[in-house]
Amino acid sequence: MGEHREEIRRKININVATMEDLMRISWIGEGRASAILRYRANHGPLLSLDELREVGTLQEQHISELRKDLCALPAHADGTGSESDATRVQHLC
């Protein structure tokens, strides 16, 4: 009698993900990871993964696939992207 285990897969929060985190995901190489980090630096935390359309290197099919691995939670507990806030939310969703 085997034990049935369901693998729990946690998603990476795109608002705190590092270059290395992003590059572990299918469809994201160094160029796309850099573009996402640049977008986040210029515009603040993403409110939803739909904002990835604005990055310019991802098509709709890519974004649909990325939803399996990414989520968009506030970067900090106060809901901002402020690096001065010492209370970061979880890296994983």
PDB file of N, CA and C in Angstrom:
ATOM      1  N   MET A   1       0.836  -1.181   0.000  1.00  0.00           N
ATOM      2  CA  MET A   1       0.000   0.000   0.000  1.00  0.00           C
ATOM      3  C   MET A   1       0.885   1.251   0.000  1.00  0.00           C
ATOM      4  N   GLY A   2       1.033   1.833  -1.156  1.00  0.00           N
ATOM      5  CA  GLY A   2       1.873   3.019  -1.266  1.00  0.00           C
ATOM      6  C   GLY A   2       1.169   4.255  -0.744  1.00  0.00           C
ATOM      7  N   GLU A   3       1.961   5.120  -0.237  1.00  0.00           N
ATOM      8  CA  GLU A   3       1.426   6.372   0.279  1.00  0.00           C
ATOM      9  C   GLU A   3       1.340   7.376  -0.865  1.00  0.00           C
ATOM     10  N   HIS A   4       0.170   7.988  -1.045  1.00  0.00           N
ATOM     11  CA  HIS A   4      -0.013   8.973  -2.103  1.00  0.00           C
ATOM     12  C   HIS A   4       0.421  10.335  -1.581  1.00  0.00           C
ATOM     13  N   ARG A   5       1.397  10.903  -2.264  1.00  0.00           N
ATOM     14  CA  ARG A   5       1.865  12.233  -1.880  1.00  0.00           C
ATOM     15  C   ARG A   5       1.680  13.175  -3.054  1.00  0.00           C
ATOM     16  N   GLU A   6       1.091  14.292  -2.783  1.00  0.00           N
ATOM     17  CA  GLU A   6       0.940  15.318  -3.809  1.00  0.00           C
ATOM     18  C   GLU A   6       2.077  16.309  -3.629  1.00  0.00           C
ATOM     19  N   GLU A   7       2.825  16.503  -4.688  1.00  0.00           N
ATOM     20  CA  GLU A   7       3.931  17.450  -4.615  1.00  0.00           C
ATOM     21  C   GLU A   7       3.369  18.866  -4.524  1.00  0.00           C
ATOM     22  N   ILE A   8       3.825  19.586  -3.541  1.00  0.00           N
ATOM     23  CA  ILE A   8       3.404  20.975  -3.387  1.00  0.00           C
ATOM     24  C   ILE A   8       4.472  21.842  -4.028  1.00  0.00           C
ATOM     25  N   ARG A   9       4.060  22.566  -5.022  1.00  0.00           N
ATOM     26  CA  ARG A   9       4.992  23.404  -5.759  1.00  0.00           C
ATOM     27  C   ARG A   9       4.746  24.853  -5.406  1.00  0.00           C
ATOM     28  N   ARG A  10       5.750  25.487  -4.845  1.00  0.00           N
ATOM     29  CA  ARG A  10       5.634  26.884  -4.477  1.00  0.00           C
ATOM     30  C   ARG A  10       6.084  27.751  -5.649  1.00  0.00           C
ATOM     31  N   LYS A  11       5.437  28.872  -5.798  1.00  0.00           N
ATOM     32  CA  LYS A  11       5.781  29.813  -6.857  1.00  0.00           C
ATOM     33  C   LYS A  11       6.757  30.858  -6.318  1.00  0.00           C
ATOM     34  N   ILE A  12       7.535  31.411  -7.214  1.00  0.00           N
ATOM     35  CA  ILE A  12       8.485  32.462  -6.849  1.00  0.00           C
ATOM     36  C   ILE A  12       7.781  33.813  -6.971  1.00  0.00           C
ATOM     37  N   ASN A  13       7.933  34.642  -5.953  1.00  0.00           N
ATOM     38  CA  ASN A  13       7.374  35.991  -5.967  1.00  0.00           C
ATOM     39  C   ASN A  13       8.254  36.864  -6.861  1.00  0.00           C
ATOM     40  N   ILE A  14       7.713  37.284  -7.978  1.00  0.00           N
ATOM     41  CA  ILE A  14       8.483  38.059  -8.949  1.00  0.00           C
ATOM     42  C   ILE A  14       8.981  39.380  -8.378  1.00  0.00           C
ATOM     43  N   ASN A  15       8.344  39.883  -7.344  1.00  0.00           N
ATOM     44  CA  ASN A  15       8.725  41.173  -6.770  1.00  0.00           C
ATOM     45  C   ASN A  15       9.922  41.112  -5.834  1.00  0.00           C
ATOM     46  N   VAL A  16      10.380  39.925  -5.491  1.00  0.00           N
ATOM     47  CA  VAL A  16      11.599  39.791  -4.685  1.00  0.00           C
ATOM     48  C   VAL A  16      12.593  38.828  -5.334  1.00  0.00           C
ATOM     49  N   ALA A  17      12.248  38.295  -6.493  1.00  0.00           N
ATOM     50  CA  ALA A  17      13.109  37.331  -7.174  1.00  0.00           C
ATOM     51  C   ALA A  17      14.421  37.982  -7.620  1.00  0.00           C
ATOM     52  N   THR A  18      15.485  37.218  -7.515  1.00  0.00           N
ATOM     53  CA  THR A  18      16.795  37.648  -7.992  1.00  0.00           C
ATOM     54  C   THR A  18      16.975  37.197  -9.439  1.00  0.00           C
ATOM     55  N   MET A  19      18.042  37.637 -10.048  1.00  0.00           N
ATOM     56  CA  MET A  19      18.385  37.202 -11.407  1.00  0.00           C
ATOM     57  C   MET A  19      18.471  35.680 -11.446  1.00  0.00           C
ATOM     58  N   GLU A  20      19.128  35.094 -10.466  1.00  0.00           N
ATOM     59  CA  GLU A  20      19.289  33.641 -10.420  1.00  0.00           C
ATOM     60  C   GLU A  20      17.949  32.932 -10.272  1.00  0.00           C
ATOM     61  N   ASP A  21      17.069  33.470  -9.439  1.00  0.00           N
ATOM     62  CA  ASP A  21      15.733  32.891  -9.268  1.00  0.00           C
ATOM     63  C   ASP A  21      14.998  32.857 -10.605  1.00  0.00           C
ATOM     64  N   LEU A  22      15.016  33.976 -11.289  1.00  0.00           N
ATOM     65  CA  LEU A  22      14.283  34.082 -12.547  1.00  0.00           C
ATOM     66  C   LEU A  22      14.855  33.167 -13.618  1.00  0.00           C
ATOM     67  N   MET A  23      16.161  33.020 -13.644  1.00  0.00           N
ATOM     68  CA  MET A  23      16.794  32.211 -14.683  1.00  0.00           C
ATOM     69  C   MET A  23      16.577  30.710 -14.483  1.00  0.00           C
ATOM     70  N   ARG A  24      16.068  30.302 -13.337  1.00  0.00           N
ATOM     71  CA  ARG A  24      15.735  28.888 -13.099  1.00  0.00           C
ATOM     72  C   ARG A  24      14.415  28.491 -13.760  1.00  0.00           C
ATOM     73  N   ILE A  25      13.690  29.467 -14.247  1.00  0.00           N
ATOM     74  CA  ILE A  25      12.355  29.243 -14.784  1.00  0.00           C
ATOM     75  C   ILE A  25      12.414  29.113 -16.303  1.00  0.00           C
ATOM     76  N   SER A  26      11.655  28.154 -16.834  1.00  0.00           N
ATOM     77  CA  SER A  26      11.554  28.011 -18.291  1.00  0.00           C
ATOM     78  C   SER A  26      11.080  29.321 -18.898  1.00  0.00           C
ATOM     79  N   TRP A  27      11.539  29.609 -20.084  1.00  0.00           N
ATOM     80  CA  TRP A  27      11.194  30.817 -20.841  1.00  0.00           C
ATOM     81  C   TRP A  27      11.976  32.043 -20.388  1.00  0.00           C
ATOM     82  N   ILE A  28      12.746  31.940 -19.309  1.00  0.00           N
ATOM     83  CA  ILE A  28      13.492  33.111 -18.845  1.00  0.00           C
ATOM     84  C   ILE A  28      14.984  32.790 -18.855  1.00  0.00           C
ATOM     85  N   GLY A  29      15.688  33.505 -19.703  1.00  0.00           N
ATOM     86  CA  GLY A  29      17.141  33.435 -19.730  1.00  0.00           C
ATOM     87  C   GLY A  29      17.701  34.718 -19.151  1.00  0.00           C
ATOM     88  N   GLU A  30      18.968  34.935 -19.361  1.00  0.00           N
ATOM     89  CA  GLU A  30      19.620  36.118 -18.796  1.00  0.00           C
ATOM     90  C   GLU A  30      19.012  37.419 -19.322  1.00  0.00           C
ATOM     91  N   GLY A  31      18.710  37.474 -20.616  1.00  0.00           N
ATOM     92  CA  GLY A  31      18.139  38.688 -21.199  1.00  0.00           C
ATOM     93  C   GLY A  31      16.776  39.038 -20.638  1.00  0.00           C
ATOM     94  N   ARG A  32      15.908  38.050 -20.562  1.00  0.00           N
ATOM     95  CA  ARG A  32      14.562  38.305 -20.018  1.00  0.00           C
ATOM     96  C   ARG A  32      14.624  38.603 -18.522  1.00  0.00           C
ATOM     97  N   ALA A  33      15.475  37.892 -17.796  1.00  0.00           N
ATOM     98  CA  ALA A  33      15.607  38.159 -16.358  1.00  0.00           C
ATOM     99  C   ALA A  33      16.075  39.595 -16.141  1.00  0.00           C
ATOM    100  N   SER A  34      17.065  40.032 -16.917  1.00  0.00           N
ATOM    101  CA  SER A  34      17.550  41.418 -16.808  1.00  0.00           C
ATOM    102  C   SER A  34      16.450  42.415 -17.122  1.00  0.00           C
ATOM    103  N   ALA A  35      15.664  42.124 -18.161  1.00  0.00           N
ATOM    104  CA  ALA A  35      14.576  43.025 -18.549  1.00  0.00           C
ATOM    105  C   ALA A  35      13.523  43.116 -17.443  1.00  0.00           C
ATOM    106  N   ILE A  36      13.204  41.996 -16.820  1.00  0.00           N
ATOM    107  CA  ILE A  36      12.213  41.995 -15.728  1.00  0.00           C
ATOM    108  C   ILE A  36      12.741  42.789 -14.542  1.00  0.00           C
ATOM    109  N   LEU A  37      13.992  42.586 -14.173  1.00  0.00           N
ATOM    110  CA  LEU A  37      14.572  43.316 -13.044  1.00  0.00           C
ATOM    111  C   LEU A  37      14.662  44.811 -13.345  1.00  0.00           C
ATOM    112  N   ARG A  38      14.989  45.159 -14.576  1.00  0.00           N
ATOM    113  CA  ARG A  38      15.053  46.570 -14.977  1.00  0.00           C
ATOM    114  C   ARG A  38      13.660  47.202 -14.903  1.00  0.00           C
ATOM    115  N   TYR A  39      12.657  46.477 -15.408  1.00  0.00           N
ATOM    116  CA  TYR A  39      11.276  46.976 -15.350  1.00  0.00           C
ATOM    117  C   TYR A  39      10.864  47.205 -13.896  1.00  0.00           C
ATOM    118  N   ARG A  40      11.165  46.229 -13.044  1.00  0.00           N
ATOM    119  CA  ARG A  40      10.806  46.328 -11.623  1.00  0.00           C
ATOM    120  C   ARG A  40      11.520  47.508 -10.971  1.00  0.00           C
ATOM    121  N   ALA A  41      12.775  47.743 -11.308  1.00  0.00           N
ATOM    122  CA  ALA A  41      13.534  48.864 -10.744  1.00  0.00           C
ATOM    123  C   ALA A  41      12.958  50.211 -11.190  1.00  0.00           C
ATOM    124  N   ASN A  42      12.490  50.274 -12.431  1.00  0.00           N
ATOM    125  CA  ASN A  42      11.958  51.530 -12.976  1.00  0.00           C
ATOM    126  C   ASN A  42      10.507  51.803 -12.606  1.00  0.00           C
ATOM    127  N   HIS A  43       9.718  50.743 -12.400  1.00  0.00           N
ATOM    128  CA  HIS A  43       8.273  50.906 -12.200  1.00  0.00           C
ATOM    129  C   HIS A  43       7.774  50.448 -10.837  1.00  0.00           C
ATOM    130  N   GLY A  44       8.642  49.856 -10.037  1.00  0.00           N
ATOM    131  CA  GLY A  44       8.222  49.348  -8.743  1.00  0.00           C
ATOM    132  C   GLY A  44       7.677  47.938  -8.868  1.00  0.00           C
ATOM    133  N   PRO A  45       7.146  47.403  -7.781  1.00  0.00           N
ATOM    134  CA  PRO A  45       6.651  46.030  -7.789  1.00  0.00           C
ATOM    135  C   PRO A  45       5.504  45.834  -8.770  1.00  0.00           C
ATOM    136  N   LEU A  46       5.459  44.669  -9.367  1.00  0.00           N
ATOM    137  CA  LEU A  46       4.379  44.332 -10.283  1.00  0.00           C
ATOM    138  C   LEU A  46       3.116  44.051  -9.484  1.00  0.00           C
ATOM    139  N   LEU A  47       2.006  44.591  -9.931  1.00  0.00           N
ATOM    140  CA  LEU A  47       0.734  44.348  -9.261  1.00  0.00           C
ATOM    141  C   LEU A  47       0.142  43.011  -9.673  1.00  0.00           C
ATOM    142  N   SER A  48       0.473  42.576 -10.887  1.00  0.00           N
ATOM    143  CA  SER A  48       0.043  41.263 -11.371  1.00  0.00           C
ATOM    144  C   SER A  48       1.018  40.812 -12.445  1.00  0.00           C
ATOM    145  N   LEU A  49       0.976  39.533 -12.758  1.00  0.00           N
ATOM    146  CA  LEU A  49       1.852  39.011 -13.803  1.00  0.00           C
ATOM    147  C   LEU A  49       1.471  39.550 -15.173  1.00  0.00           C
ATOM    148  N   ASP A  50       0.272  40.111 -15.314  1.00  0.00           N
ATOM    149  CA  ASP A  50      -0.131  40.719 -16.575  1.00  0.00           C
ATOM    150  C   ASP A  50       0.806  41.862 -16.973  1.00  0.00           C
ATOM    151  N   GLU A  51       1.440  42.482 -15.994  1.00  0.00           N
ATOM    152  CA  GLU A  51       2.379  43.571 -16.282  1.00  0.00           C
ATOM    153  C   GLU A  51       3.602  43.096 -17.055  1.00  0.00           C
ATOM    154  N   LEU A  52       3.844  41.792 -17.075  1.00  0.00           N
ATOM    155  CA  LEU A  52       4.981  41.271 -17.840  1.00  0.00           C
ATOM    156  C   LEU A  52       4.857  41.603 -19.320  1.00  0.00           C
ATOM    157  N   ARG A  53       3.654  41.885 -19.790  1.00  0.00           N
ATOM    158  CA  ARG A  53       3.461  42.304 -21.185  1.00  0.00           C
ATOM    159  C   ARG A  53       4.250  43.578 -21.477  1.00  0.00           C
ATOM    160  N   GLU A  54       4.390  44.414 -20.455  1.00  0.00           N
ATOM    161  CA  GLU A  54       5.081  45.700 -20.602  1.00  0.00           C
ATOM    162  C   GLU A  54       6.596  45.534 -20.685  1.00  0.00           C
ATOM    163  N   VAL A  55       7.106  44.402 -20.247  1.00  0.00           N
ATOM    164  CA  VAL A  55       8.550  44.166 -20.287  1.00  0.00           C
ATOM    165  C   VAL A  55       9.035  44.128 -21.725  1.00  0.00           C
ATOM    166  N   GLY A  56       8.201  43.640 -22.631  1.00  0.00           N
ATOM    167  CA  GLY A  56       8.505  43.683 -24.046  1.00  0.00           C
ATOM    168  C   GLY A  56       9.130  42.435 -24.627  1.00  0.00           C
ATOM    169  N   THR A  57       9.672  41.564 -23.823  1.00  0.00           N
ATOM    170  CA  THR A  57      10.320  40.371 -24.364  1.00  0.00           C
ATOM    171  C   THR A  57       9.468  39.118 -24.209  1.00  0.00           C
ATOM    172  N   LEU A  58       8.306  39.263 -23.605  1.00  0.00           N
ATOM    173  CA  LEU A  58       7.461  38.099 -23.341  1.00  0.00           C
ATOM    174  C   LEU A  58       6.145  38.209 -24.085  1.00  0.00           C
ATOM    175  N   GLN A  59       5.799  37.150 -24.767  1.00  0.00           N
ATOM    176  CA  GLN A  59       4.515  37.083 -25.455  1.00  0.00           C
ATOM    177  C   GLN A  59       3.488  36.442 -24.533  1.00  0.00           C
ATOM    178  N   GLU A  60       2.239  36.529 -24.917  1.00  0.00           N
ATOM    179  CA  GLU A  60       1.143  36.011 -24.089  1.00  0.00           C
ATOM    180  C   GLU A  60       1.336  34.536 -23.737  1.00  0.00           C
ATOM    181  N   GLN A  61       1.791  33.736 -24.687  1.00  0.00           N
ATOM    182  CA  GLN A  61       1.988  32.303 -24.407  1.00  0.00           C
ATOM    183  C   GLN A  61       3.035  32.099 -23.321  1.00  0.00           C
ATOM    184  N   HIS A  62       4.073  32.943 -23.306  1.00  0.00           N
ATOM    185  CA  HIS A  62       5.105  32.845 -22.279  1.00  0.00           C
ATOM    186  C   HIS A  62       4.528  33.202 -20.908  1.00  0.00           C
ATOM    187  N   ILE A  63       3.747  34.258 -20.870  1.00  0.00           N
ATOM    188  CA  ILE A  63       3.160  34.702 -19.606  1.00  0.00           C
ATOM    189  C   ILE A  63       2.243  33.620 -19.049  1.00  0.00           C
ATOM    190  N   SER A  64       1.474  32.972 -19.908  1.00  0.00           N
ATOM    191  CA  SER A  64       0.608  31.873 -19.454  1.00  0.00           C
ATOM    192  C   SER A  64       1.430  30.763 -18.825  1.00  0.00           C
ATOM    193  N   GLU A  65       2.554  30.422 -19.436  1.00  0.00           N
ATOM    194  CA  GLU A  65       3.436  29.392 -18.885  1.00  0.00           C
ATOM    195  C   GLU A  65       4.071  29.844 -17.570  1.00  0.00           C
ATOM    196  N   LEU A  66       4.444  31.105 -17.495  1.00  0.00           N
ATOM    197  CA  LEU A  66       5.110  31.622 -16.296  1.00  0.00           C
ATOM    198  C   LEU A  66       4.197  31.646 -15.081  1.00  0.00           C
ATOM    199  N   ARG A  67       2.900  31.697 -15.304  1.00  0.00           N
ATOM    200  CA  ARG A  67       1.946  31.689 -14.180  1.00  0.00           C
ATOM    201  C   ARG A  67       2.083  30.424 -13.336  1.00  0.00           C
ATOM    202  N   LYS A  68       2.631  29.357 -13.912  1.00  0.00           N
ATOM    203  CA  LYS A  68       2.844  28.116 -13.168  1.00  0.00           C
ATOM    204  C   LYS A  68       3.971  28.252 -12.141  1.00  0.00           C
ATOM    205  N   ASP A  69       4.905  29.175 -12.407  1.00  0.00           N
ATOM    206  CA  ASP A  69       6.109  29.292 -11.588  1.00  0.00           C
ATOM    207  C   ASP A  69       6.243  30.604 -10.830  1.00  0.00           C
ATOM    208  N   LEU A  70       5.476  31.616 -11.223  1.00  0.00           N
ATOM    209  CA  LEU A  70       5.611  32.945 -10.628  1.00  0.00           C
ATOM    210  C   LEU A  70       4.300  33.446 -10.043  1.00  0.00           C
ATOM    211  N   CYS A  71       4.416  34.348  -9.086  1.00  0.00           N
ATOM    212  CA  CYS A  71       3.264  35.083  -8.559  1.00  0.00           C
ATOM    213  C   CYS A  71       3.726  36.514  -8.333  1.00  0.00           C
ATOM    214  N   ALA A  72       2.804  37.411  -8.086  1.00  0.00           N
ATOM    215  CA  ALA A  72       3.145  38.814  -7.845  1.00  0.00           C
ATOM    216  C   ALA A  72       2.520  39.250  -6.525  1.00  0.00           C
ATOM    217  N   LEU A  73       3.290  39.122  -5.460  1.00  0.00           N
ATOM    218  CA  LEU A  73       2.889  39.620  -4.145  1.00  0.00           C
ATOM    219  C   LEU A  73       3.659  40.906  -3.880  1.00  0.00           C
ATOM    220  N   PRO A  74       3.173  41.760  -2.969  1.00  0.00           N
ATOM    221  CA  PRO A  74       3.948  42.960  -2.640  1.00  0.00           C
ATOM    222  C   PRO A  74       5.360  42.564  -2.204  1.00  0.00           C
ATOM    223  N   ALA A  75       6.319  43.407  -2.542  1.00  0.00           N
ATOM    224  CA  ALA A  75       7.709  43.121  -2.209  1.00  0.00           C
ATOM    225  C   ALA A  75       7.974  43.240  -0.717  1.00  0.00           C
ATOM    226  N   HIS A  76       7.151  44.011  -0.019  1.00  0.00           N
ATOM    227  CA  HIS A  76       7.344  44.236   1.411  1.00  0.00           C
ATOM    228  C   HIS A  76       6.002  44.200   2.120  1.00  0.00           C
ATOM    229  N   ALA A  77       6.043  43.987   3.398  1.00  0.00           N
ATOM    230  CA  ALA A  77       4.822  43.812   4.183  1.00  0.00           C
ATOM    231  C   ALA A  77       3.904  45.030   4.104  1.00  0.00           C
ATOM    232  N   ASP A  78       4.469  46.224   3.869  1.00  0.00           N
ATOM    233  CA  ASP A  78       3.617  47.412   3.796  1.00  0.00           C
ATOM    234  C   ASP A  78       3.016  47.605   2.411  1.00  0.00           C
ATOM    235  N   GLY A  79       3.283  46.647   1.488  1.00  0.00           N
ATOM    236  CA  GLY A  79       2.700  46.715   0.158  1.00  0.00           C
ATOM    237  C   GLY A  79       3.483  47.556  -0.824  1.00  0.00           C
ATOM    238  N   THR A  80       4.655  48.041  -0.418  1.00  0.00           N
ATOM    239  CA  THR A  80       5.466  48.862  -1.303  1.00  0.00           C
ATOM    240  C   THR A  80       6.662  48.079  -1.799  1.00  0.00           C
ATOM    241  N   GLY A  81       7.428  48.703  -2.636  1.00  0.00           N
ATOM    242  CA  GLY A  81       8.675  48.116  -3.098  1.00  0.00           C
ATOM    243  C   GLY A  81       9.858  48.730  -2.387  1.00  0.00           C
ATOM    244  N   SER A  82       9.609  49.458  -1.332  1.00  0.00           N
ATOM    245  CA  SER A  82      10.655  50.185  -0.635  1.00  0.00           C
ATOM    246  C   SER A  82      11.710  49.257  -0.056  1.00  0.00           C
ATOM    247  N   GLU A  83      12.953  49.476  -0.454  1.00  0.00           N
ATOM    248  CA  GLU A  83      14.049  48.673   0.076  1.00  0.00           C
ATOM    249  C   GLU A  83      14.347  49.037   1.523  1.00  0.00           C
ATOM    250  N   SER A  84      13.891  50.197   1.987  1.00  0.00           N
ATOM    251  CA  SER A  84      14.177  50.601   3.350  1.00  0.00           C
ATOM    252  C   SER A  84      13.307  49.866   4.366  1.00  0.00           C
ATOM    253  N   ASP A  85      12.237  49.258   3.916  1.00  0.00           N
ATOM    254  CA  ASP A  85      11.372  48.496   4.811  1.00  0.00           C
ATOM    255  C   ASP A  85      12.041  47.168   5.119  1.00  0.00           C
ATOM    256  N   ALA A  86      12.325  46.933   6.370  1.00  0.00           N
ATOM    257  CA  ALA A  86      13.066  45.732   6.764  1.00  0.00           C
ATOM    258  C   ALA A  86      12.191  44.485   6.775  1.00  0.00           C
ATOM    259  N   THR A  87      10.874  44.640   6.647  1.00  0.00           N
ATOM    260  CA  THR A  87       9.971  43.501   6.733  1.00  0.00           C
ATOM    261  C   THR A  87       9.587  43.009   5.336  1.00  0.00           C
ATOM    262  N   ARG A  88      10.332  42.053   4.818  1.00  0.00           N
ATOM    263  CA  ARG A  88      10.037  41.508   3.491  1.00  0.00           C
ATOM    264  C   ARG A  88       9.012  40.396   3.613  1.00  0.00           C
ATOM    265  N   VAL A  89       8.139  40.296   2.635  1.00  0.00           N
ATOM    266  CA  VAL A  89       7.206  39.180   2.597  1.00  0.00           C
ATOM    267  C   VAL A  89       7.939  37.969   2.058  1.00  0.00           C
ATOM    268  N   GLN A  90       7.296  36.844   2.105  1.00  0.00           N
ATOM    269  CA  GLN A  90       7.925  35.612   1.677  1.00  0.00           C
ATOM    270  C   GLN A  90       8.410  35.672   0.245  1.00  0.00           C
ATOM    271  N   HIS A  91       9.530  35.021   0.040  1.00  0.00           N
ATOM    272  CA  HIS A  91      10.131  34.920  -1.283  1.00  0.00           C
ATOM    273  C   HIS A  91       9.292  33.983  -2.153  1.00  0.00           C
ATOM    274  N   LEU A  92       8.644  33.016  -1.531  1.00  0.00           N
ATOM    275  CA  LEU A  92       7.824  32.060  -2.250  1.00  0.00           C
ATOM    276  C   LEU A  92       6.346  32.278  -1.943  1.00  0.00           C
ATOM    277  N   CYS A  93       5.490  31.946  -2.900  1.00  0.00           N
ATOM    278  CA  CYS A  93       4.040  32.121  -2.742  1.00  0.00           C
ATOM    279  C   CYS A  93       3.391  30.773  -2.506  1.00  0.00           C
TER     280      CYS A  93
END
